[in-house]
Amino acid sequence: MSGSDELIVRIAEVPGPVVVVLSMGGTVSSVREPGREGSVPRVDASALLGDVGSLSGLSVVSETFRMLPSSSVTGADVTALAARIRSLGATGRVTGVVVTHGTDTLEETAFTLELLAAATDVPVVVTGAMRDGSDAAPDGPGNLRDAVLAAASSQVRGCGVLVVFDSVIHSARWVSKETTFRAAGFSSAPLGPIGWIVEDRVRVFSRPLLGFRLGPGEGPTAPIAVLATVPGDDMIVADAALRAGYRGVVLAGAGGGHVARAAVPVLSAVAAEIPVVVSTRVPRGPALSKTYGYPGSEVSLRHAGCLMSGVLDAAKSSVLLSALVARGADRAAVAEAFAAFA
């Protein structure tokens, strides 16, 4: 019997509603080993739950779905994760799913699960840790406890995929990692979180508008080049990405989504062959569409065939573009999808 089948059997044997924890690895599963420099993912899902303490009145079962640093999680891994979550929801016994994940790419995985509508039937909450299990003050157990409480709460139903971190509830559409070391690792600025977990009570005070979703199917598996611009850059690297076989380009432009004058003909030629989406390297605010009209501005890039990312940053833009291209979307369909985030 496969591990997946065993989990379904265990769910059937537990009385009442069940919260399922699926572990993907990452810092929350990492420890330092004697004779080895740095921590590595080693702790399975059941051991993670063992550190959480009592969850009175809740039935929780777990599965180690992957054991990876999150920088090595692929689009295929997340597509499989979304399918696993939907299969758990189909049992009719699961009241919520928690995914433990490395923080490096946690926002991309959460956004992918949202695009693939993984939370249609049951709440899906993604969490992790900034400090590994060998640290003097690991944050993983507290984050996991909060995530389980959130996943079991009727407060979060209909809110889409969520990220719970440091007792704060974020929408997957807006969350991003904002520090490399502090325990409060994530932010939803400038819009803010949707709730908190205080004294084991889940409090949602702002329900997100979910909007665009791709629905079940292929996730972000098409190779997309994410490129950053610097002053005077002619972006010839975009042409190199095209020749190397990338199927789309996401550009983290300056300001509202700007490049040097010299980059416009290069990006125009690339956009004639594969989608080029222009985001911004600025952490607050959308890519613009019609404010500036000089060569290298958003207006000139649109006229050159590029698409603007709207409110999506470069990381989330690459997720959406990869999934669209993997599904065979033409340029019109890609444009329509990004227009939903304008």
Protein backbone atom coordinates (compact mmCIF):
# COMPACT_ATOMS: atom_id res chain seq x y z
CA MET A 1 0.00 0.00 0.00
CA SER A 2 1.40 3.43 -0.91
CA GLY A 3 2.04 6.20 1.59
CA SER A 4 -0.81 8.18 0.07
CA ASP A 5 -3.25 5.28 0.57
CA GLU A 6 -2.08 4.85 4.14
CA LEU A 7 -2.88 8.47 4.89
CA ILE A 8 -6.43 8.11 3.53
CA VAL A 9 -6.88 5.02 5.72
CA ARG A 10 -5.65 6.89 8.79
CA ILE A 11 -8.04 9.76 8.05
CA ALA A 12 -10.93 7.29 7.85
CA GLU A 13 -9.99 5.79 11.23
CA VAL A 14 -9.95 9.11 13.10
CA PRO A 15 -13.31 10.25 14.53
CA GLY A 16 -14.66 13.64 13.55
CA PRO A 17 -13.10 16.32 11.33
CA VAL A 18 -9.37 16.03 10.62
CA VAL A 19 -6.61 18.54 9.90
CA VAL A 20 -3.87 17.13 7.66
CA VAL A 21 -0.28 18.38 7.82
CA LEU A 22 1.75 17.87 4.64
CA SER A 23 5.48 18.50 5.05
CA MET A 24 7.61 19.76 2.16
CA GLY A 25 10.87 20.16 4.12
CA GLY A 26 12.62 23.51 4.53
CA THR A 27 13.99 25.20 7.66
CA VAL A 28 11.06 24.05 9.78
CA SER A 29 12.22 20.47 9.09
CA SER A 30 15.94 21.24 9.38
CA VAL A 31 18.48 20.42 12.10
CA ARG A 32 22.22 20.70 12.46
CA GLU A 33 24.12 17.42 12.38
CA PRO A 34 27.46 16.70 14.07
CA GLY A 35 30.40 17.17 11.72
CA ARG A 36 28.34 19.01 9.11
CA GLU A 37 28.27 22.74 8.50
CA GLY A 38 24.80 24.27 8.41
CA SER A 39 21.37 22.73 8.91
CA VAL A 40 19.60 20.42 6.46
CA PRO A 41 16.00 19.12 6.16
CA ARG A 42 15.71 15.88 8.12
CA VAL A 43 12.67 16.01 10.45
CA ASP A 44 9.56 14.26 9.12
CA ALA A 45 5.99 15.47 9.49
CA SER A 46 5.07 13.30 12.47
CA ALA A 47 8.10 14.52 14.41
CA LEU A 48 7.19 18.12 13.62
CA LEU A 49 3.77 17.56 15.18
CA GLY A 50 5.41 16.02 18.22
CA ASP A 51 6.97 19.38 19.06
CA VAL A 52 3.69 21.31 18.86
CA GLY A 53 2.10 20.19 22.13
CA SER A 54 -1.55 19.59 22.90
CA LEU A 55 -4.17 20.56 20.33
CA SER A 56 -7.20 19.82 22.45
CA GLY A 57 -10.26 18.75 20.51
CA LEU A 58 -8.46 18.55 17.16
CA SER A 59 -7.61 15.39 15.24
CA VAL A 60 -4.39 15.92 13.25
CA VAL A 61 -2.66 13.46 10.90
CA SER A 62 0.45 14.06 8.86
CA GLU A 63 2.41 13.02 5.79
CA THR A 64 5.94 13.81 4.65
CA PHE A 65 5.18 14.80 1.07
CA ARG A 66 8.67 16.04 0.18
CA MET A 67 11.91 16.66 2.11
CA LEU A 68 13.56 19.53 0.25
CA PRO A 69 15.07 22.95 0.78
CA SER A 70 12.48 25.19 -0.80
CA SER A 71 14.87 26.55 -3.42
CA SER A 72 14.77 23.03 -4.91
CA VAL A 73 10.96 22.71 -4.95
CA THR A 74 9.83 22.57 -8.58
CA GLY A 75 6.62 23.51 -10.31
CA ALA A 76 5.94 19.81 -10.77
CA ASP A 77 6.27 19.31 -6.98
CA VAL A 78 3.70 22.04 -6.33
CA THR A 79 1.34 20.74 -9.02
CA ALA A 80 1.49 17.34 -7.30
CA LEU A 81 0.92 19.00 -3.92
CA ALA A 82 -2.21 20.75 -5.20
CA ALA A 83 -3.53 17.45 -6.53
CA ARG A 84 -2.81 15.81 -3.16
CA ILE A 85 -4.73 18.52 -1.33
CA ARG A 86 -7.73 18.10 -3.63
CA SER A 87 -7.69 14.33 -3.08
CA LEU A 88 -7.75 14.91 0.68
CA GLY A 89 -10.67 17.30 0.34
CA ALA A 90 -12.54 14.69 -1.68
CA THR A 91 -12.62 12.35 1.34
CA GLY A 92 -15.20 14.60 2.99
CA ARG A 93 -13.39 14.12 6.30
CA VAL A 94 -10.70 16.80 6.09
CA THR A 95 -11.56 20.18 7.59
CA GLY A 96 -8.27 21.85 6.69
CA VAL A 97 -4.76 21.24 5.29
CA VAL A 98 -1.49 22.69 6.57
CA VAL A 99 1.60 22.71 4.36
CA THR A 100 4.98 23.17 6.05
CA HIS A 101 7.49 24.62 3.63
CA GLY A 102 10.84 26.37 3.40
CA THR A 103 10.56 30.15 3.51
CA ASP A 104 12.80 30.91 0.51
CA THR A 105 10.05 30.10 -2.00
CA LEU A 106 7.06 29.77 0.32
CA GLU A 107 5.30 32.72 -1.32
CA GLU A 108 5.61 31.15 -4.79
CA THR A 109 4.19 27.84 -3.58
CA ALA A 110 1.31 29.51 -1.73
CA PHE A 111 0.47 31.64 -4.78
CA THR A 112 0.62 28.58 -7.04
CA LEU A 113 -1.77 26.69 -4.77
CA GLU A 114 -4.11 29.69 -4.92
CA LEU A 115 -3.94 29.81 -8.74
CA LEU A 116 -4.63 26.07 -8.92
CA ALA A 117 -7.65 26.48 -6.60
CA ALA A 118 -6.28 24.05 -4.04
CA ALA A 119 -8.40 25.65 -1.28
CA THR A 120 -11.77 25.30 -3.02
CA ASP A 121 -13.04 22.54 -0.72
CA VAL A 122 -10.99 22.98 2.46
CA PRO A 123 -8.85 25.76 3.93
CA VAL A 124 -5.16 25.51 3.00
CA VAL A 125 -2.60 27.17 5.25
CA VAL A 126 1.12 27.33 4.45
CA THR A 127 3.71 27.90 7.18
CA GLY A 128 7.36 27.34 7.97
CA ALA A 129 10.17 28.65 10.16
CA MET A 130 12.99 31.15 10.07
CA ARG A 131 14.97 29.28 12.74
CA ASP A 132 15.79 25.59 12.43
CA GLY A 133 15.06 22.96 15.05
CA SER A 134 18.59 23.16 16.49
CA ASP A 135 18.23 26.87 17.28
CA ALA A 136 17.97 28.02 20.89
CA ALA A 137 14.52 29.49 20.11
CA PRO A 138 13.00 27.65 17.12
CA ASP A 139 9.87 29.28 15.75
CA GLY A 140 8.59 26.27 13.82
CA PRO A 141 6.49 24.66 16.57
CA GLY A 142 4.58 27.88 17.30
CA ASN A 143 3.99 28.59 13.62
CA LEU A 144 2.77 25.04 13.01
CA ARG A 145 0.42 25.19 15.98
CA ASP A 146 -1.05 28.49 14.76
CA ALA A 147 -1.40 27.10 11.23
CA VAL A 148 -3.31 24.03 12.47
CA LEU A 149 -5.64 26.22 14.52
CA ALA A 150 -6.26 28.42 11.49
CA ALA A 151 -6.88 25.49 9.15
CA ALA A 152 -9.45 24.09 11.59
CA SER A 153 -11.27 27.41 11.97
CA SER A 154 -14.50 28.33 10.19
CA GLN A 155 -13.15 31.91 10.18
CA VAL A 156 -10.83 31.21 7.23
CA ARG A 157 -13.25 29.35 4.97
CA GLY A 158 -13.60 31.09 1.64
CA CYS A 159 -10.40 33.09 2.13
CA GLY A 160 -8.33 31.08 -0.35
CA VAL A 161 -4.84 29.85 0.37
CA LEU A 162 -3.30 31.50 3.42
CA VAL A 163 0.14 31.89 4.97
CA VAL A 164 0.38 31.87 8.77
CA PHE A 165 3.60 33.12 10.27
CA ASP A 166 4.50 34.69 13.61
CA SER A 167 0.82 34.63 14.67
CA VAL A 168 -0.23 36.65 11.59
CA ILE A 169 -2.55 35.46 8.79
CA HIS A 170 -1.68 36.55 5.24
CA SER A 171 -3.42 36.05 1.90
CA ALA A 172 -1.29 34.06 -0.55
CA ARG A 173 -1.95 36.70 -3.23
CA TRP A 174 -0.04 39.42 -1.40
CA VAL A 175 2.39 37.78 1.01
CA SER A 176 6.15 38.07 0.50
CA LYS A 177 9.26 37.26 2.48
CA GLU A 178 10.77 40.47 3.81
CA THR A 179 13.78 39.43 5.89
CA THR A 180 16.51 36.80 5.81
CA PHE A 181 16.74 36.32 9.57
CA ARG A 182 13.93 37.71 11.75
CA ALA A 183 11.14 35.48 13.04
CA ALA A 184 8.50 37.83 11.60
CA GLY A 185 9.62 36.73 8.17
CA PHE A 186 6.63 37.71 6.01
CA SER A 187 4.64 40.79 5.16
CA SER A 188 1.55 41.67 3.13
CA ALA A 189 2.53 45.32 2.75
CA PRO A 190 1.07 47.65 1.73
CA LEU A 191 -2.35 45.98 2.04
CA GLY A 192 -1.70 44.26 5.35
CA PRO A 193 -2.59 40.85 6.82
CA ILE A 194 -6.13 39.51 7.02
CA GLY A 195 -6.01 38.37 10.63
CA TRP A 196 -4.16 37.11 13.70
CA ILE A 197 -4.02 34.11 16.01
CA VAL A 198 -4.10 35.35 19.60
CA GLU A 199 -4.55 33.16 22.70
CA ASP A 200 -5.26 30.20 20.37
CA ARG A 201 -8.16 32.15 18.84
CA VAL A 202 -8.27 32.72 15.08
CA ARG A 203 -9.42 36.24 14.27
CA VAL A 204 -10.07 37.21 10.63
CA PHE A 205 -10.89 40.88 10.20
CA SER A 206 -10.42 41.43 6.45
CA ARG A 207 -11.54 38.83 3.94
CA PRO A 208 -9.61 38.93 0.63
CA LEU A 209 -11.19 39.29 -2.80
CA LEU A 210 -9.89 36.19 -4.56
CA GLY A 211 -10.54 37.04 -8.20
CA PHE A 212 -8.53 35.29 -10.92
CA ARG A 213 -7.70 31.58 -10.68
CA LEU A 214 -6.49 29.10 -13.27
CA GLY A 215 -8.18 26.13 -11.63
CA PRO A 216 -6.89 22.54 -11.38
CA GLY A 217 -4.36 21.43 -13.95
CA GLU A 218 -0.77 22.06 -14.93
CA GLY A 219 1.15 24.32 -12.59
CA PRO A 220 4.26 26.45 -13.19
CA THR A 221 6.42 23.98 -15.13
CA ALA A 222 7.45 26.00 -18.21
CA PRO A 223 10.93 27.58 -17.81
CA ILE A 224 10.72 31.35 -17.29
CA ALA A 225 13.72 33.67 -17.05
CA VAL A 226 13.43 36.32 -14.32
CA LEU A 227 15.75 39.23 -15.12
CA ALA A 228 16.56 42.43 -13.23
CA THR A 229 17.53 45.64 -14.95
CA VAL A 230 20.29 48.05 -13.94
CA PRO A 231 20.97 51.57 -15.24
CA GLY A 232 21.96 51.58 -18.91
CA ASP A 233 21.41 47.83 -19.35
CA ASP A 234 20.58 46.87 -22.96
CA MET A 235 18.97 43.63 -21.70
CA ILE A 236 20.72 41.49 -24.29
CA VAL A 237 20.44 38.79 -21.63
CA ALA A 238 16.74 38.53 -22.58
CA ASP A 239 17.74 37.45 -26.08
CA ALA A 240 20.18 34.95 -24.55
CA ALA A 241 17.32 33.54 -22.47
CA LEU A 242 15.23 33.11 -25.62
CA ARG A 243 18.07 31.32 -27.41
CA ALA A 244 18.65 29.11 -24.36
CA GLY A 245 15.09 27.78 -24.57
CA TYR A 246 13.25 29.79 -21.95
CA ARG A 247 9.58 30.08 -22.85
CA GLY A 248 8.94 33.45 -21.27
CA VAL A 249 10.70 36.38 -19.61
CA VAL A 250 9.74 38.34 -16.51
CA LEU A 251 11.58 41.60 -16.08
CA ALA A 252 12.00 43.35 -12.72
CA GLY A 253 12.17 46.86 -14.13
CA ALA A 254 13.15 50.08 -12.42
CA GLY A 255 10.48 52.38 -10.97
CA GLY A 256 7.08 51.65 -12.46
CA GLY A 257 8.56 49.09 -14.86
CA HIS A 258 11.25 50.92 -16.80
CA VAL A 259 14.39 50.02 -18.74
CA ALA A 260 17.14 51.86 -20.59
CA ARG A 261 16.39 53.14 -24.10
CA ALA A 262 18.87 50.60 -25.53
CA ALA A 263 16.84 47.68 -24.11
CA VAL A 264 13.63 48.46 -26.02
CA PRO A 265 14.58 46.95 -29.42
CA VAL A 266 15.97 43.83 -27.72
CA LEU A 267 12.84 43.30 -25.66
CA SER A 268 10.65 44.02 -28.69
CA ALA A 269 12.39 41.28 -30.67
CA VAL A 270 12.10 38.80 -27.80
CA ALA A 271 8.42 39.67 -27.20
CA ALA A 272 7.70 38.81 -30.83
CA GLU A 273 8.62 35.20 -30.05
CA ILE A 274 7.83 34.57 -26.36
CA PRO A 275 5.83 36.46 -23.70
CA VAL A 276 7.72 39.26 -21.94
CA VAL A 277 6.09 40.50 -18.73
CA VAL A 278 7.38 43.66 -17.07
CA SER A 279 7.14 43.96 -13.29
CA THR A 280 9.00 46.30 -10.96
CA ARG A 281 11.87 45.85 -8.53
CA VAL A 282 10.17 48.39 -6.21
CA PRO A 283 8.59 46.54 -3.25
CA ARG A 284 5.46 48.71 -3.01
CA GLY A 285 3.04 49.53 -5.82
CA PRO A 286 2.09 48.08 -9.21
CA ALA A 287 3.89 48.17 -12.52
CA LEU A 288 2.50 51.19 -14.33
CA SER A 289 0.84 51.13 -17.73
CA LYS A 290 0.42 54.70 -19.03
CA THR A 291 2.15 57.27 -16.81
CA TYR A 292 5.47 57.72 -18.65
CA GLY A 293 6.01 57.87 -22.40
CA TYR A 294 9.77 58.17 -22.95
CA PRO A 295 11.82 55.40 -24.66
CA GLY A 296 12.21 52.65 -22.06
CA SER A 297 9.05 53.61 -20.17
CA GLU A 298 6.03 51.40 -19.65
CA VAL A 299 4.25 52.99 -22.62
CA SER A 300 7.14 52.25 -24.99
CA LEU A 301 7.45 48.70 -23.63
CA ARG A 302 3.74 48.07 -24.20
CA HIS A 303 4.08 49.34 -27.75
CA ALA A 304 7.06 47.00 -28.14
CA GLY A 305 4.84 44.01 -27.34
CA CYS A 306 5.58 43.58 -23.64
CA LEU A 307 2.87 42.99 -21.03
CA MET A 308 2.70 44.77 -17.66
CA SER A 309 2.37 42.68 -14.51
CA GLY A 310 0.03 44.97 -12.60
CA VAL A 311 0.21 44.33 -8.86
CA LEU A 312 2.18 41.08 -9.17
CA ASP A 313 5.86 41.23 -8.28
CA ALA A 314 8.46 39.43 -10.38
CA ALA A 315 8.28 36.20 -8.34
CA LYS A 316 4.51 35.85 -8.59
CA SER A 317 4.57 37.00 -12.21
CA SER A 318 6.95 34.17 -13.06
CA VAL A 319 4.61 31.66 -11.38
CA LEU A 320 1.58 32.85 -13.32
CA LEU A 321 3.42 33.10 -16.65
CA SER A 322 4.98 29.65 -16.23
CA ALA A 323 1.60 28.05 -15.52
CA LEU A 324 -0.06 29.84 -18.43
CA VAL A 325 2.64 28.83 -20.90
CA ALA A 326 2.65 25.25 -19.59
CA ARG A 327 -1.08 25.12 -20.36
CA GLY A 328 -0.51 26.32 -23.92
CA ALA A 329 -1.98 29.81 -23.43
CA ASP A 330 -1.55 32.12 -26.41
CA ARG A 331 -0.52 35.75 -26.12
CA ALA A 332 -4.12 36.96 -25.82
CA ALA A 333 -4.79 34.56 -22.93
CA VAL A 334 -1.58 35.61 -21.18
CA ALA A 335 -2.52 39.27 -21.59
CA GLU A 336 -6.02 38.62 -20.23
CA ALA A 337 -4.65 36.82 -17.15
CA PHE A 338 -2.23 39.60 -16.23
CA ALA A 339 -4.91 42.21 -16.91
CA ALA A 340 -6.84 40.64 -14.03
CA PHE A 341 -4.07 41.89 -11.71
CA ALA A 342 -3.80 45.38 -13.22
